[in-house]
Amino acid sequence: MNLTLILKNFLDEDLRLKAFPARRKMKIYALLYLVQKFEPDREYSEKEVNMLLNDWHTFSDPATLRREMYDYGFLDRSRDGRVYAMCQNQPTFSELGLTED
């Protein structure tokens, strides 16, 4: 699946998200695009997550992106919210209510 092509209307010339989609399906594609920027099996502080997300979007809202990534099951966090990591078991397209095109 070519997320860059799917998200072409939401990406700038540097392939950063320039807007967070309102429609659920496109929002999930945007989150899938962003989670690919994380390294599996690596722990991140909240500050590191924000810095990484800021590198890949232009609308200055890493908190919303971080929260959505957690809510949809792409990122996990410690109970105290200090440590983040990619979820070991990423949600499937079916679990997200999508079909894999």
N, C-alpha and C. Protein backbone atom coordinates (compact mmCIF):
# COMPACT_ATOMS: atom_id res chain seq x y z
N MET A 1 0.85 -1.18 0.00
CA MET A 1 0.00 0.00 0.00
C MET A 1 0.89 1.23 0.00
N ASN A 2 0.66 2.11 -0.93
CA ASN A 2 1.46 3.32 -1.06
C ASN A 2 0.77 4.46 -0.32
N LEU A 3 1.15 4.66 0.93
CA LEU A 3 0.52 5.69 1.75
C LEU A 3 0.84 7.09 1.25
N THR A 4 2.00 7.27 0.65
CA THR A 4 2.35 8.57 0.10
C THR A 4 1.36 8.97 -1.01
N LEU A 5 1.02 8.01 -1.82
CA LEU A 5 0.05 8.28 -2.89
C LEU A 5 -1.34 8.52 -2.32
N ILE A 6 -1.75 7.70 -1.36
CA ILE A 6 -3.07 7.85 -0.74
C ILE A 6 -3.20 9.21 -0.06
N LEU A 7 -2.12 9.66 0.56
CA LEU A 7 -2.14 10.91 1.33
C LEU A 7 -1.63 12.12 0.55
N LYS A 8 -1.51 12.00 -0.75
CA LYS A 8 -0.88 13.07 -1.56
C LYS A 8 -1.49 14.45 -1.31
N ASN A 9 -2.78 14.54 -1.05
CA ASN A 9 -3.41 15.84 -0.80
C ASN A 9 -3.11 16.39 0.60
N PHE A 10 -2.52 15.55 1.45
CA PHE A 10 -2.22 15.96 2.82
C PHE A 10 -0.73 16.12 3.08
N LEU A 11 0.10 15.88 2.06
CA LEU A 11 1.55 15.95 2.22
C LEU A 11 2.12 17.14 1.47
N ASP A 12 3.16 17.76 2.07
CA ASP A 12 3.84 18.84 1.37
C ASP A 12 4.96 18.26 0.50
N GLU A 13 5.74 19.13 -0.11
CA GLU A 13 6.80 18.69 -1.02
C GLU A 13 7.89 17.88 -0.30
N ASP A 14 7.99 18.01 1.02
CA ASP A 14 8.95 17.24 1.81
C ASP A 14 8.33 15.99 2.43
N LEU A 15 7.10 15.67 1.99
CA LEU A 15 6.35 14.50 2.45
C LEU A 15 5.98 14.57 3.93
N ARG A 16 5.79 15.79 4.41
CA ARG A 16 5.30 15.98 5.78
C ARG A 16 3.80 16.25 5.72
N LEU A 17 3.09 15.75 6.73
CA LEU A 17 1.65 16.03 6.80
C LEU A 17 1.45 17.53 6.98
N LYS A 18 0.66 18.12 6.10
CA LYS A 18 0.37 19.54 6.23
C LYS A 18 -0.99 19.79 6.86
N ALA A 19 -1.77 18.74 7.01
CA ALA A 19 -3.07 18.82 7.69
C ALA A 19 -3.40 17.43 8.20
N PHE A 20 -4.13 17.37 9.30
CA PHE A 20 -4.57 16.08 9.83
C PHE A 20 -5.98 15.84 9.29
N PRO A 21 -6.16 14.76 8.54
CA PRO A 21 -7.47 14.51 7.91
C PRO A 21 -8.60 14.42 8.93
N ALA A 22 -9.76 14.90 8.55
CA ALA A 22 -10.94 14.83 9.41
C ALA A 22 -11.66 13.49 9.25
N ARG A 23 -11.67 12.97 8.02
CA ARG A 23 -12.35 11.70 7.77
C ARG A 23 -11.57 10.55 8.42
N ARG A 24 -12.30 9.67 9.09
CA ARG A 24 -11.69 8.59 9.86
C ARG A 24 -10.72 7.75 9.02
N LYS A 25 -11.13 7.35 7.84
CA LYS A 25 -10.30 6.49 7.01
C LYS A 25 -8.98 7.17 6.67
N MET A 26 -9.02 8.41 6.25
CA MET A 26 -7.80 9.13 5.91
C MET A 26 -6.96 9.42 7.15
N LYS A 27 -7.63 9.65 8.28
CA LYS A 27 -6.91 9.86 9.54
C LYS A 27 -6.09 8.61 9.87
N ILE A 28 -6.68 7.45 9.72
CA ILE A 28 -5.97 6.20 10.00
C ILE A 28 -4.79 6.03 9.05
N TYR A 29 -4.99 6.35 7.77
CA TYR A 29 -3.87 6.28 6.82
C TYR A 29 -2.75 7.22 7.24
N ALA A 30 -3.09 8.41 7.72
CA ALA A 30 -2.07 9.35 8.18
C ALA A 30 -1.33 8.78 9.39
N LEU A 31 -2.04 8.15 10.30
CA LEU A 31 -1.40 7.55 11.47
C LEU A 31 -0.51 6.37 11.06
N LEU A 32 -0.97 5.59 10.11
CA LEU A 32 -0.14 4.49 9.59
C LEU A 32 1.14 5.05 8.97
N TYR A 33 1.02 6.14 8.25
CA TYR A 33 2.18 6.79 7.64
C TYR A 33 3.17 7.22 8.72
N LEU A 34 2.66 7.83 9.78
CA LEU A 34 3.54 8.34 10.84
C LEU A 34 4.18 7.22 11.65
N VAL A 35 3.45 6.16 11.93
CA VAL A 35 4.01 5.09 12.76
C VAL A 35 5.19 4.43 12.05
N GLN A 36 5.22 4.51 10.73
CA GLN A 36 6.35 3.94 9.99
C GLN A 36 7.65 4.71 10.26
N LYS A 37 7.56 5.87 10.83
CA LYS A 37 8.74 6.69 11.14
C LYS A 37 9.40 6.26 12.45
N PHE A 38 8.72 5.44 13.22
CA PHE A 38 9.24 4.96 14.50
C PHE A 38 10.04 3.67 14.31
N GLU A 39 11.03 3.48 15.17
CA GLU A 39 11.82 2.26 15.14
C GLU A 39 11.17 1.22 16.06
N PRO A 40 10.94 0.00 15.54
CA PRO A 40 10.40 -1.06 16.39
C PRO A 40 11.38 -1.36 17.53
N ASP A 41 10.87 -1.79 18.64
CA ASP A 41 11.68 -2.21 19.80
C ASP A 41 12.53 -1.08 20.40
N ARG A 42 12.18 0.15 20.11
CA ARG A 42 12.87 1.29 20.72
C ARG A 42 11.90 2.03 21.62
N GLU A 43 12.38 2.46 22.77
CA GLU A 43 11.58 3.27 23.66
C GLU A 43 11.89 4.74 23.41
N TYR A 44 10.84 5.55 23.49
CA TYR A 44 10.95 6.99 23.25
C TYR A 44 10.39 7.74 24.45
N SER A 45 11.01 8.82 24.80
CA SER A 45 10.40 9.72 25.79
C SER A 45 9.31 10.51 25.08
N GLU A 46 8.45 11.16 25.84
CA GLU A 46 7.42 11.99 25.23
C GLU A 46 8.05 13.08 24.37
N LYS A 47 9.14 13.64 24.85
CA LYS A 47 9.84 14.68 24.10
C LYS A 47 10.36 14.14 22.77
N GLU A 48 10.91 12.93 22.77
CA GLU A 48 11.41 12.32 21.53
C GLU A 48 10.28 12.03 20.55
N VAL A 49 9.15 11.56 21.08
CA VAL A 49 7.98 11.32 20.22
C VAL A 49 7.55 12.62 19.57
N ASN A 50 7.46 13.68 20.36
CA ASN A 50 7.06 14.98 19.84
C ASN A 50 8.04 15.47 18.77
N MET A 51 9.33 15.30 19.02
CA MET A 51 10.33 15.75 18.05
C MET A 51 10.20 14.96 16.74
N LEU A 52 10.02 13.65 16.84
CA LEU A 52 9.87 12.84 15.64
C LEU A 52 8.62 13.26 14.87
N LEU A 53 7.52 13.40 15.58
CA LEU A 53 6.27 13.82 14.92
C LEU A 53 6.41 15.21 14.31
N ASN A 54 7.09 16.11 15.00
CA ASN A 54 7.29 17.46 14.45
C ASN A 54 8.10 17.44 13.17
N ASP A 55 8.99 16.46 13.04
CA ASP A 55 9.75 16.31 11.80
C ASP A 55 8.88 15.89 10.63
N TRP A 56 7.71 15.29 10.93
CA TRP A 56 6.88 14.71 9.87
C TRP A 56 5.51 15.37 9.73
N HIS A 57 5.30 16.52 10.36
CA HIS A 57 4.08 17.28 10.12
C HIS A 57 4.36 18.77 10.28
N THR A 58 3.49 19.58 9.70
CA THR A 58 3.73 21.03 9.70
C THR A 58 2.68 21.84 10.46
N PHE A 59 1.71 21.20 11.07
CA PHE A 59 0.62 21.96 11.69
C PHE A 59 0.76 22.07 13.21
N SER A 60 1.93 21.73 13.72
CA SER A 60 2.31 22.00 15.12
C SER A 60 1.35 21.44 16.16
N ASP A 61 1.00 20.17 16.03
CA ASP A 61 0.13 19.55 17.03
C ASP A 61 0.57 18.11 17.33
N PRO A 62 1.78 17.94 17.85
CA PRO A 62 2.24 16.58 18.13
C PRO A 62 1.40 15.89 19.21
N ALA A 63 0.83 16.65 20.12
CA ALA A 63 0.03 16.04 21.20
C ALA A 63 -1.18 15.31 20.63
N THR A 64 -1.87 15.93 19.68
CA THR A 64 -3.02 15.26 19.06
C THR A 64 -2.58 14.01 18.31
N LEU A 65 -1.51 14.12 17.55
CA LEU A 65 -1.03 12.96 16.80
C LEU A 65 -0.61 11.84 17.74
N ARG A 66 0.11 12.18 18.79
CA ARG A 66 0.57 11.18 19.78
C ARG A 66 -0.63 10.49 20.43
N ARG A 67 -1.61 11.26 20.82
CA ARG A 67 -2.81 10.72 21.46
C ARG A 67 -3.59 9.81 20.50
N GLU A 68 -3.75 10.25 19.26
CA GLU A 68 -4.46 9.44 18.27
C GLU A 68 -3.70 8.14 17.99
N MET A 69 -2.37 8.22 17.92
CA MET A 69 -1.58 7.01 17.67
C MET A 69 -1.74 6.02 18.83
N TYR A 70 -1.82 6.54 20.03
CA TYR A 70 -2.06 5.68 21.20
C TYR A 70 -3.49 5.12 21.17
N ASP A 71 -4.46 5.98 20.92
CA ASP A 71 -5.86 5.55 20.93
C ASP A 71 -6.16 4.49 19.88
N TYR A 72 -5.53 4.58 18.72
CA TYR A 72 -5.75 3.61 17.65
C TYR A 72 -4.87 2.36 17.78
N GLY A 73 -3.99 2.33 18.77
CA GLY A 73 -3.17 1.14 19.01
C GLY A 73 -1.88 1.05 18.23
N PHE A 74 -1.39 2.19 17.74
CA PHE A 74 -0.11 2.21 17.04
C PHE A 74 1.06 2.41 17.99
N LEU A 75 0.85 3.20 19.03
CA LEU A 75 1.86 3.44 20.05
C LEU A 75 1.34 2.97 21.40
N ASP A 76 2.26 2.50 22.21
CA ASP A 76 1.94 2.14 23.58
C ASP A 76 2.70 3.10 24.48
N ARG A 77 2.25 3.25 25.71
CA ARG A 77 2.96 4.12 26.64
C ARG A 77 2.93 3.52 28.04
N SER A 78 3.89 3.92 28.82
CA SER A 78 3.93 3.47 30.21
C SER A 78 2.79 4.11 30.98
N ARG A 79 2.49 3.53 32.13
CA ARG A 79 1.38 4.06 32.93
C ARG A 79 1.55 5.54 33.27
N ASP A 80 2.79 5.94 33.51
CA ASP A 80 3.03 7.34 33.88
C ASP A 80 3.17 8.25 32.66
N GLY A 81 3.09 7.69 31.44
CA GLY A 81 3.14 8.48 30.22
C GLY A 81 4.52 8.98 29.84
N ARG A 82 5.55 8.46 30.50
CA ARG A 82 6.91 8.93 30.22
C ARG A 82 7.59 8.18 29.08
N VAL A 83 7.19 6.93 28.86
CA VAL A 83 7.86 6.09 27.87
C VAL A 83 6.86 5.62 26.83
N TYR A 84 7.22 5.78 25.57
CA TYR A 84 6.39 5.37 24.44
C TYR A 84 7.17 4.37 23.59
N ALA A 85 6.45 3.50 22.91
CA ALA A 85 7.05 2.56 21.97
C ALA A 85 5.97 2.14 20.98
N MET A 86 6.42 1.67 19.82
CA MET A 86 5.46 1.10 18.87
C MET A 86 4.83 -0.12 19.52
N CYS A 87 3.55 -0.31 19.34
CA CYS A 87 2.90 -1.51 19.85
C CYS A 87 3.49 -2.72 19.13
N GLN A 88 3.75 -3.77 19.88
CA GLN A 88 4.30 -4.99 19.30
C GLN A 88 3.36 -5.55 18.24
N ASN A 89 2.08 -5.54 18.54
CA ASN A 89 1.07 -6.04 17.61
C ASN A 89 0.27 -4.86 17.07
N GLN A 90 0.67 -4.39 15.91
CA GLN A 90 -0.03 -3.27 15.28
C GLN A 90 -1.44 -3.72 14.88
N PRO A 91 -2.42 -2.83 14.96
CA PRO A 91 -3.78 -3.21 14.58
C PRO A 91 -3.84 -3.59 13.10
N THR A 92 -4.68 -4.55 12.80
CA THR A 92 -4.86 -4.97 11.41
C THR A 92 -5.83 -4.03 10.71
N PHE A 93 -5.83 -4.09 9.39
CA PHE A 93 -6.78 -3.27 8.63
C PHE A 93 -8.21 -3.62 9.03
N SER A 94 -8.46 -4.90 9.22
CA SER A 94 -9.79 -5.35 9.62
C SER A 94 -10.19 -4.76 10.97
N GLU A 95 -9.26 -4.80 11.94
CA GLU A 95 -9.54 -4.24 13.26
C GLU A 95 -9.81 -2.76 13.20
N LEU A 96 -9.20 -2.09 12.22
CA LEU A 96 -9.39 -0.64 12.05
C LEU A 96 -10.60 -0.32 11.19
N GLY A 97 -11.29 -1.36 10.70
CA GLY A 97 -12.46 -1.15 9.87
C GLY A 97 -12.12 -0.78 8.44
N LEU A 98 -10.90 -1.15 8.00
CA LEU A 98 -10.45 -0.84 6.64
C LEU A 98 -10.25 -2.13 5.85
N THR A 99 -10.26 -1.99 4.55
CA THR A 99 -9.87 -3.10 3.68
C THR A 99 -8.52 -2.77 3.12
N GLU A 100 -7.69 -3.78 3.00
CA GLU A 100 -6.35 -3.56 2.44
C GLU A 100 -6.47 -3.55 0.92
N ASP A 101 -6.26 -2.37 0.33
CA ASP A 101 -6.40 -2.21 -1.10
C ASP A 101 -5.15 -2.65 -1.84
